[in-house]
Amino acid sequence: MLAMENKKKFIQNLNSIQGSIIAVVYTFEGENAPGFKHYDVWRSNVIADWINAINEIGCKPYIIDVRTFISKAMMDTLPHLDFIINLNAGNINLDNLGLIPSVCSFLNIPCIPCSSGVCSVGEDKFFANTIAKNSLIKVPKSYPDNIEGGIIRHRNYGSSIGIRKTASETTCKENEISQEFIVGTDITIPILFNPLNSKLELLPAIAYMHHKGEDWYLGEKEKISHDYDKVSVRLPIEVSKEILNLAKSFDISTFCRIDTRVKNFKDFEIDTITLDNLYFIEINPTPTIHNTINFANAINELNKSDSHYGAFNLYKKHVKDYTVTGYILTSAIFAIKAKHSQWQD
């Protein structure tokens, strides 16, 4: 009975958001302001997938670059906007990642996926590691940058930019951290609000299967060469629970991705992943979303035992030409409305 009521409410809410105006705010590739300098090149297919997602749920897209958006916001010349998708990501300077959500807060318009506070704290690996240390998930220990056996990561960068092993001749540069290198396998864990039961939940985790031994890690070159296979991994209940609690401690309400390292993980069996061998690496509260990336891989791996299975199937049934980005967008909108109790009874 409750399941039928949830499905009925899901469809009603899905219909109620039709006609909403959703802005996609992106950083123009030709922009030369210091605050918009990127460590990674912007991809137009990401914008395209978000635009298509907006259209597929019956909403209206409003496409605008960051500079024009801010200018119009300050001049009070923006049209009515119901939601804003923040694609101002990948900045060299972490301070600028909070630019769009801060303006959204000023305008009192919901920002997808998160606020400036969540963005700034989560994207900084030093602060994120500090928060993670208060959970039951292990965090790699600090490690000297000039002794072999560690790994160096930039505090603010994503896309595996700048990751390297420590050695006698290495030194940490500004805004870098050095930690113990965990011999094992990289596993990324997408987390998404479930629009059917109104709960934040884990999607199937994705492990990076490679053939170069446990000293392998997902570095910049490895990410470009794609010298690995992505394998869906089911996490034990106790591990899933702690990962979810960790995401909630960052005040995640829509979606995020948590990257981990599993020590001595070889056979990809569920019982080999425990709280004793799982290590937090980073959380990405503004992950890249498009139809062929980890979130899509995870959603496509759903089976009947996954809580999102029913929600995604219901979405596919009621949305023509559905995409995983459309489902993620819908989930994010539902999360925002649920958080602020904006659904009509």
Protein backbone atom coordinates (compact mmCIF):
# COMPACT_ATOMS: atom_id res chain seq x y z
CA MET A 1 0.00 0.00 0.00
CA LEU A 2 2.80 2.39 0.95
CA ALA A 3 4.70 1.48 -2.23
CA MET A 4 1.66 2.36 -4.37
CA GLU A 5 1.24 5.67 -2.54
CA ASN A 6 4.92 6.50 -3.10
CA LYS A 7 4.63 5.72 -6.81
CA LYS A 8 1.52 7.86 -7.12
CA LYS A 9 3.20 10.75 -5.31
CA PHE A 10 6.33 10.34 -7.45
CA ILE A 11 4.31 10.71 -10.66
CA GLN A 12 2.37 13.69 -9.28
CA ASN A 13 5.59 15.43 -8.25
CA LEU A 14 7.21 14.62 -11.58
CA ASN A 15 4.29 16.25 -13.37
CA SER A 16 4.32 19.25 -11.03
CA ILE A 17 7.86 20.31 -11.94
CA GLN A 18 7.06 20.54 -15.65
CA GLY A 19 7.39 24.06 -16.95
CA SER A 20 10.06 25.01 -14.41
CA ILE A 21 12.85 27.21 -15.73
CA ILE A 22 16.28 25.76 -15.00
CA ALA A 23 19.45 27.71 -15.65
CA VAL A 24 22.70 26.01 -16.63
CA VAL A 25 25.54 28.30 -15.56
CA TYR A 26 28.90 27.37 -17.07
CA THR A 27 32.37 28.84 -17.39
CA PHE A 28 32.96 30.11 -20.92
CA GLU A 29 36.08 28.48 -22.33
CA GLY A 30 37.41 31.77 -23.65
CA GLU A 31 37.03 33.49 -20.27
CA ASN A 32 40.40 34.85 -19.12
CA ALA A 33 39.56 36.17 -15.64
CA PRO A 34 42.00 34.76 -13.03
CA GLY A 35 39.11 33.34 -11.03
CA PHE A 36 37.89 31.27 -13.96
CA LYS A 37 41.20 29.61 -14.78
CA HIS A 38 40.75 25.82 -14.97
CA TYR A 39 43.00 22.89 -14.17
CA ASP A 40 41.00 20.84 -16.68
CA VAL A 41 39.46 21.68 -20.05
CA TRP A 42 35.68 22.14 -20.06
CA ARG A 43 33.70 19.59 -22.07
CA SER A 44 30.65 20.74 -24.07
CA ASN A 45 29.03 17.28 -23.91
CA VAL A 46 28.38 17.87 -20.20
CA ILE A 47 26.37 21.02 -20.96
CA ALA A 48 24.52 19.21 -23.76
CA ASP A 49 23.48 16.34 -21.50
CA TRP A 50 22.13 18.75 -18.86
CA ILE A 51 20.18 20.70 -21.49
CA ASN A 52 18.66 17.49 -22.84
CA ALA A 53 17.82 16.41 -19.30
CA ILE A 54 15.98 19.66 -18.65
CA ASN A 55 13.98 19.23 -21.84
CA GLU A 56 13.13 15.58 -21.20
CA ILE A 57 11.39 16.35 -17.90
CA GLY A 58 9.32 19.09 -19.52
CA CYS A 59 11.26 22.03 -18.14
CA LYS A 60 12.76 25.05 -19.91
CA PRO A 61 16.55 25.55 -20.07
CA TYR A 62 18.22 28.91 -19.66
CA ILE A 63 21.87 28.72 -20.73
CA ILE A 64 24.24 31.39 -19.48
CA ASP A 65 27.96 31.80 -18.77
CA VAL A 66 29.23 32.72 -15.31
CA ARG A 67 30.21 36.32 -16.03
CA THR A 68 26.87 37.17 -17.67
CA PHE A 69 24.99 35.37 -14.91
CA ILE A 70 26.69 37.38 -12.16
CA SER A 71 26.28 40.62 -14.08
CA LYS A 72 22.57 40.03 -14.60
CA ALA A 73 22.12 38.89 -11.01
CA MET A 74 23.65 42.09 -9.65
CA MET A 75 21.68 44.25 -12.11
CA ASP A 76 18.46 42.35 -11.29
CA THR A 77 17.89 41.54 -14.96
CA LEU A 78 17.73 37.75 -14.77
CA PRO A 79 14.43 36.18 -15.80
CA HIS A 80 12.48 34.10 -13.32
CA LEU A 81 14.48 30.95 -12.52
CA ASP A 82 13.27 27.99 -10.48
CA PHE A 83 16.58 26.13 -10.21
CA ILE A 84 20.21 26.72 -11.16
CA ILE A 85 22.70 24.03 -12.16
CA ASN A 86 26.25 25.00 -11.20
CA LEU A 87 28.77 23.97 -13.86
CA ASN A 88 31.46 26.39 -12.70
CA ALA A 89 33.77 23.56 -11.67
CA GLY A 90 37.42 22.65 -12.05
CA ASN A 91 38.77 26.05 -10.98
CA ILE A 92 42.42 26.49 -10.05
CA ASN A 93 41.36 28.54 -7.03
CA LEU A 94 39.00 26.77 -4.65
CA ASP A 95 37.49 30.08 -3.52
CA ASN A 96 35.79 30.47 -6.89
CA LEU A 97 33.99 27.12 -6.73
CA GLY A 98 31.51 28.71 -4.33
CA LEU A 99 30.81 31.65 -6.61
CA ILE A 100 27.61 30.40 -8.27
CA PRO A 101 25.97 28.82 -5.20
CA SER A 102 26.74 31.98 -3.22
CA VAL A 103 24.94 34.12 -5.80
CA CYS A 104 22.11 31.57 -5.81
CA SER A 105 21.81 31.99 -2.05
CA PHE A 106 21.73 35.76 -2.51
CA LEU A 107 18.91 35.34 -5.06
CA ASN A 108 17.16 32.67 -2.99
CA ILE A 109 17.19 30.23 -5.92
CA PRO A 110 18.01 26.55 -5.25
CA CYS A 111 21.43 25.56 -6.57
CA ILE A 112 22.16 22.07 -7.90
CA PRO A 113 24.00 20.18 -6.54
CA CYS A 114 24.95 22.00 -3.33
CA SER A 115 25.60 25.22 -1.41
CA SER A 116 28.86 27.17 -1.38
CA GLY A 117 29.64 25.89 2.12
CA VAL A 118 29.29 22.24 1.12
CA CYS A 119 31.25 22.87 -2.06
CA SER A 120 34.16 24.68 -0.37
CA VAL A 121 34.60 22.24 2.51
CA GLY A 122 34.04 19.07 0.49
CA GLU A 123 36.32 19.99 -2.39
CA ASP A 124 39.22 20.78 -0.03
CA LYS A 125 40.89 17.43 0.66
CA PHE A 126 42.49 18.65 3.90
CA PHE A 127 39.16 19.65 5.46
CA ALA A 128 37.36 16.67 3.94
CA ASN A 129 39.91 14.29 5.46
CA THR A 130 39.54 16.02 8.82
CA ILE A 131 35.78 15.46 8.77
CA ALA A 132 36.20 11.86 7.60
CA LYS A 133 38.47 11.13 10.56
CA ASN A 134 35.44 11.53 12.82
CA SER A 135 33.68 8.68 11.02
CA LEU A 136 34.25 4.91 11.11
CA ILE A 137 35.83 5.08 7.65
CA LYS A 138 39.62 4.98 7.78
CA VAL A 139 41.72 7.87 6.42
CA PRO A 140 45.31 7.39 5.15
CA LYS A 141 47.87 8.76 7.59
CA SER A 142 50.00 11.79 6.82
CA TYR A 143 53.31 10.78 5.24
CA PRO A 144 56.62 12.57 4.60
CA ASP A 145 56.74 13.89 1.05
CA ASN A 146 60.41 12.99 0.51
CA ILE A 147 60.27 9.31 1.51
CA GLU A 148 59.11 6.51 -0.76
CA GLY A 149 55.82 4.93 0.28
CA GLY A 150 53.40 7.82 0.06
CA ILE A 151 51.25 9.61 -2.45
CA ILE A 152 50.81 13.35 -3.07
CA ARG A 153 47.52 14.94 -4.04
CA HIS A 154 46.52 18.54 -4.63
CA ARG A 155 44.09 19.79 -1.98
CA ASN A 156 41.70 21.32 -4.50
CA TYR A 157 42.16 19.62 -7.87
CA GLY A 158 40.07 16.80 -9.30
CA SER A 159 40.36 14.60 -12.39
CA SER A 160 43.47 12.99 -10.83
CA ILE A 161 45.47 16.09 -11.78
CA GLY A 162 48.90 16.23 -10.11
CA ILE A 163 48.73 12.91 -8.25
CA ARG A 164 52.15 11.27 -7.86
CA LYS A 165 54.06 8.85 -5.67
CA THR A 166 56.54 10.15 -3.09
CA ALA A 167 60.27 9.57 -3.50
CA SER A 168 63.53 10.95 -2.13
CA GLU A 169 63.51 13.83 -4.61
CA THR A 170 59.83 14.77 -4.32
CA THR A 171 58.43 17.68 -2.34
CA CYS A 172 54.92 18.92 -1.75
CA LYS A 173 54.07 22.08 -3.60
CA GLU A 174 51.70 24.73 -2.32
CA ASN A 175 48.23 23.35 -1.51
CA GLU A 176 49.30 19.71 -1.72
CA ILE A 177 49.02 16.97 0.88
CA SER A 178 51.13 13.82 1.28
CA GLN A 179 49.59 10.63 2.68
CA GLU A 180 50.38 6.97 3.12
CA PHE A 181 49.85 5.05 -0.13
CA ILE A 182 47.28 2.32 0.34
CA VAL A 183 48.21 -0.78 -1.65
CA GLY A 184 44.98 -1.94 -3.26
CA THR A 185 42.25 -0.76 -5.63
CA ASP A 186 40.39 2.50 -6.30
CA ILE A 187 36.62 2.32 -5.79
CA THR A 188 34.30 5.26 -6.39
CA ILE A 189 30.89 5.36 -4.73
CA PRO A 190 28.10 7.49 -6.28
CA ILE A 191 25.41 8.70 -3.86
CA LEU A 192 22.03 10.01 -4.99
CA PHE A 193 18.71 11.06 -3.46
CA ASN A 194 16.04 8.46 -4.16
CA PRO A 195 12.94 10.30 -5.44
CA LEU A 196 10.65 7.36 -4.69
CA ASN A 197 11.31 7.00 -0.97
CA SER A 198 12.84 10.47 -0.31
CA LYS A 199 16.13 9.12 1.07
CA LEU A 200 19.77 9.72 0.22
CA GLU A 201 21.18 6.36 -0.86
CA LEU A 202 24.20 4.68 -2.41
CA LEU A 203 24.26 3.58 -6.02
CA PRO A 204 26.35 0.52 -6.99
CA ALA A 205 30.04 1.25 -6.42
CA ILE A 206 32.47 1.21 -9.33
CA ALA A 207 35.91 -0.41 -8.96
CA TYR A 208 38.78 0.19 -11.36
CA MET A 209 39.99 -3.22 -12.56
CA HIS A 210 43.57 -3.10 -13.85
CA HIS A 211 46.38 -5.55 -14.52
CA LYS A 212 49.43 -3.78 -13.15
CA GLY A 213 49.47 -4.91 -9.54
CA GLU A 214 48.24 -3.32 -6.34
CA ASP A 215 50.75 -0.47 -6.56
CA TRP A 216 48.63 0.91 -9.43
CA TYR A 217 46.57 4.01 -8.74
CA LEU A 218 44.22 6.20 -10.76
CA GLY A 219 46.59 8.97 -11.77
CA GLU A 220 46.34 11.61 -14.46
CA LYS A 221 47.96 9.50 -17.18
CA GLU A 222 45.97 6.42 -16.21
CA LYS A 223 42.71 8.35 -16.39
CA ILE A 224 43.54 9.65 -19.86
CA SER A 225 44.70 6.26 -21.22
CA HIS A 226 41.76 4.37 -19.66
CA ASP A 227 44.05 1.43 -18.97
CA TYR A 228 41.45 -0.27 -16.78
CA ASP A 229 37.97 -1.75 -16.76
CA LYS A 230 35.15 -0.51 -14.56
CA VAL A 231 33.51 -3.23 -12.48
CA SER A 232 30.34 -2.88 -10.43
CA VAL A 233 30.86 -3.74 -6.76
CA ARG A 234 28.23 -4.36 -4.08
CA LEU A 235 29.20 -3.00 -0.68
CA PRO A 236 28.27 -4.76 2.58
CA ILE A 237 25.43 -3.17 4.55
CA GLU A 238 27.67 -1.96 7.39
CA VAL A 239 30.07 -0.29 4.94
CA SER A 240 27.22 1.31 2.96
CA LYS A 241 25.74 2.67 6.18
CA GLU A 242 28.98 4.38 7.22
CA ILE A 243 29.61 5.80 3.73
CA LEU A 244 26.11 7.25 3.75
CA ASN A 245 26.58 8.70 7.23
CA LEU A 246 29.80 10.30 6.05
CA ALA A 247 28.05 11.90 3.07
CA LYS A 248 25.35 13.27 5.38
CA SER A 249 28.02 14.75 7.67
CA PHE A 250 29.02 16.95 4.72
CA ASP A 251 25.35 18.02 4.44
CA ILE A 252 24.93 16.32 1.06
CA SER A 253 21.25 16.26 0.09
CA THR A 254 21.17 15.78 -3.71
CA PHE A 255 24.14 13.80 -5.02
CA CYS A 256 27.87 13.41 -4.60
CA ARG A 257 30.63 10.89 -5.15
CA ILE A 258 33.00 9.47 -2.54
CA ASP A 259 36.30 8.02 -3.74
CA THR A 260 37.92 5.29 -1.69
CA ARG A 261 40.82 2.88 -1.70
CA VAL A 262 40.36 -0.75 -0.63
CA LYS A 263 43.50 -2.33 0.79
CA ASN A 264 44.65 -5.61 -0.79
CA PHE A 265 41.40 -5.90 -2.72
CA LYS A 266 41.79 -8.43 -5.53
CA ASP A 267 38.77 -10.62 -6.21
CA PHE A 268 35.96 -8.05 -6.08
CA GLU A 269 33.90 -10.17 -3.71
CA ILE A 270 31.58 -8.29 -1.36
CA ASP A 271 32.90 -10.01 1.77
CA THR A 272 36.44 -8.75 1.12
CA ILE A 273 35.39 -5.11 1.66
CA THR A 274 35.18 -4.16 5.31
CA LEU A 275 35.54 -1.10 7.52
CA ASP A 276 39.03 -2.40 8.32
CA ASN A 277 40.36 -2.21 4.77
CA LEU A 278 38.35 0.69 3.28
CA TYR A 279 40.04 4.12 3.19
CA PHE A 280 38.52 7.51 2.43
CA ILE A 281 40.34 9.41 -0.32
CA GLU A 282 38.04 12.32 -1.15
CA ILE A 283 34.46 13.47 -1.57
CA ASN A 284 33.29 15.31 -4.66
CA PRO A 285 30.14 17.32 -3.88
CA THR A 286 30.11 18.72 -7.45
CA PRO A 287 30.86 15.64 -9.56
CA THR A 288 30.76 15.78 -13.33
CA ILE A 289 27.46 14.38 -14.60
CA HIS A 290 26.75 13.18 -18.09
CA ASN A 291 25.32 10.09 -19.73
CA THR A 292 28.52 8.04 -19.99
CA ILE A 293 30.29 8.59 -16.66
CA ASN A 294 30.44 6.81 -13.28
CA PHE A 295 26.95 7.85 -12.17
CA ALA A 296 25.58 6.49 -15.44
CA ASN A 297 27.58 3.29 -15.07
CA ALA A 298 26.24 2.83 -11.54
CA ILE A 299 22.61 3.49 -12.52
CA ASN A 300 22.90 1.11 -15.46
CA GLU A 301 24.16 -1.57 -13.05
CA LEU A 302 21.07 -1.39 -10.84
CA ASN A 303 19.33 -4.67 -10.12
CA LYS A 304 16.19 -5.55 -8.18
CA SER A 305 18.09 -5.56 -4.89
CA ASP A 306 19.02 -1.87 -5.27
CA SER A 307 16.66 0.70 -3.76
CA HIS A 308 16.97 2.99 -6.80
CA TYR A 309 15.82 0.20 -9.14
CA GLY A 310 12.11 0.91 -8.72
CA ALA A 311 12.56 4.69 -8.90
CA PHE A 312 14.61 4.58 -12.09
CA ASN A 313 12.21 2.13 -13.74
CA LEU A 314 9.27 4.35 -12.82
CA TYR A 315 11.13 7.32 -14.27
CA LYS A 316 11.83 5.43 -17.51
CA LYS A 317 8.18 4.44 -17.75
CA HIS A 318 6.88 8.01 -17.51
CA VAL A 319 9.59 9.99 -19.34
CA LYS A 320 10.00 9.74 -23.09
CA ASP A 321 13.59 9.50 -24.35
CA TYR A 322 14.85 9.23 -20.78
CA THR A 323 18.52 9.62 -19.81
CA VAL A 324 20.41 8.98 -16.59
CA THR A 325 21.19 12.71 -16.39
CA GLY A 326 17.47 13.39 -16.50
CA TYR A 327 16.92 10.95 -13.65
CA ILE A 328 19.71 12.57 -11.61
CA LEU A 329 18.28 16.04 -12.28
CA THR A 330 14.81 14.88 -11.21
CA SER A 331 16.25 13.30 -8.07
CA ALA A 332 18.10 16.53 -7.21
CA ILE A 333 14.95 18.65 -7.66
CA PHE A 334 12.95 16.23 -5.52
CA ALA A 335 15.67 16.40 -2.84
CA ILE A 336 15.61 20.19 -2.77
CA LYS A 337 11.84 20.33 -2.56
CA ALA A 338 11.75 17.65 0.13
CA LYS A 339 14.41 19.43 2.18
CA HIS A 340 12.44 22.67 2.12
CA SER A 341 9.03 20.99 2.36
CA GLN A 342 7.88 22.56 -0.90
CA TRP A 343 5.72 19.68 -2.13
CA GLN A 344 2.01 20.32 -2.12
CA ASP A 345 -0.13 17.70 -0.39
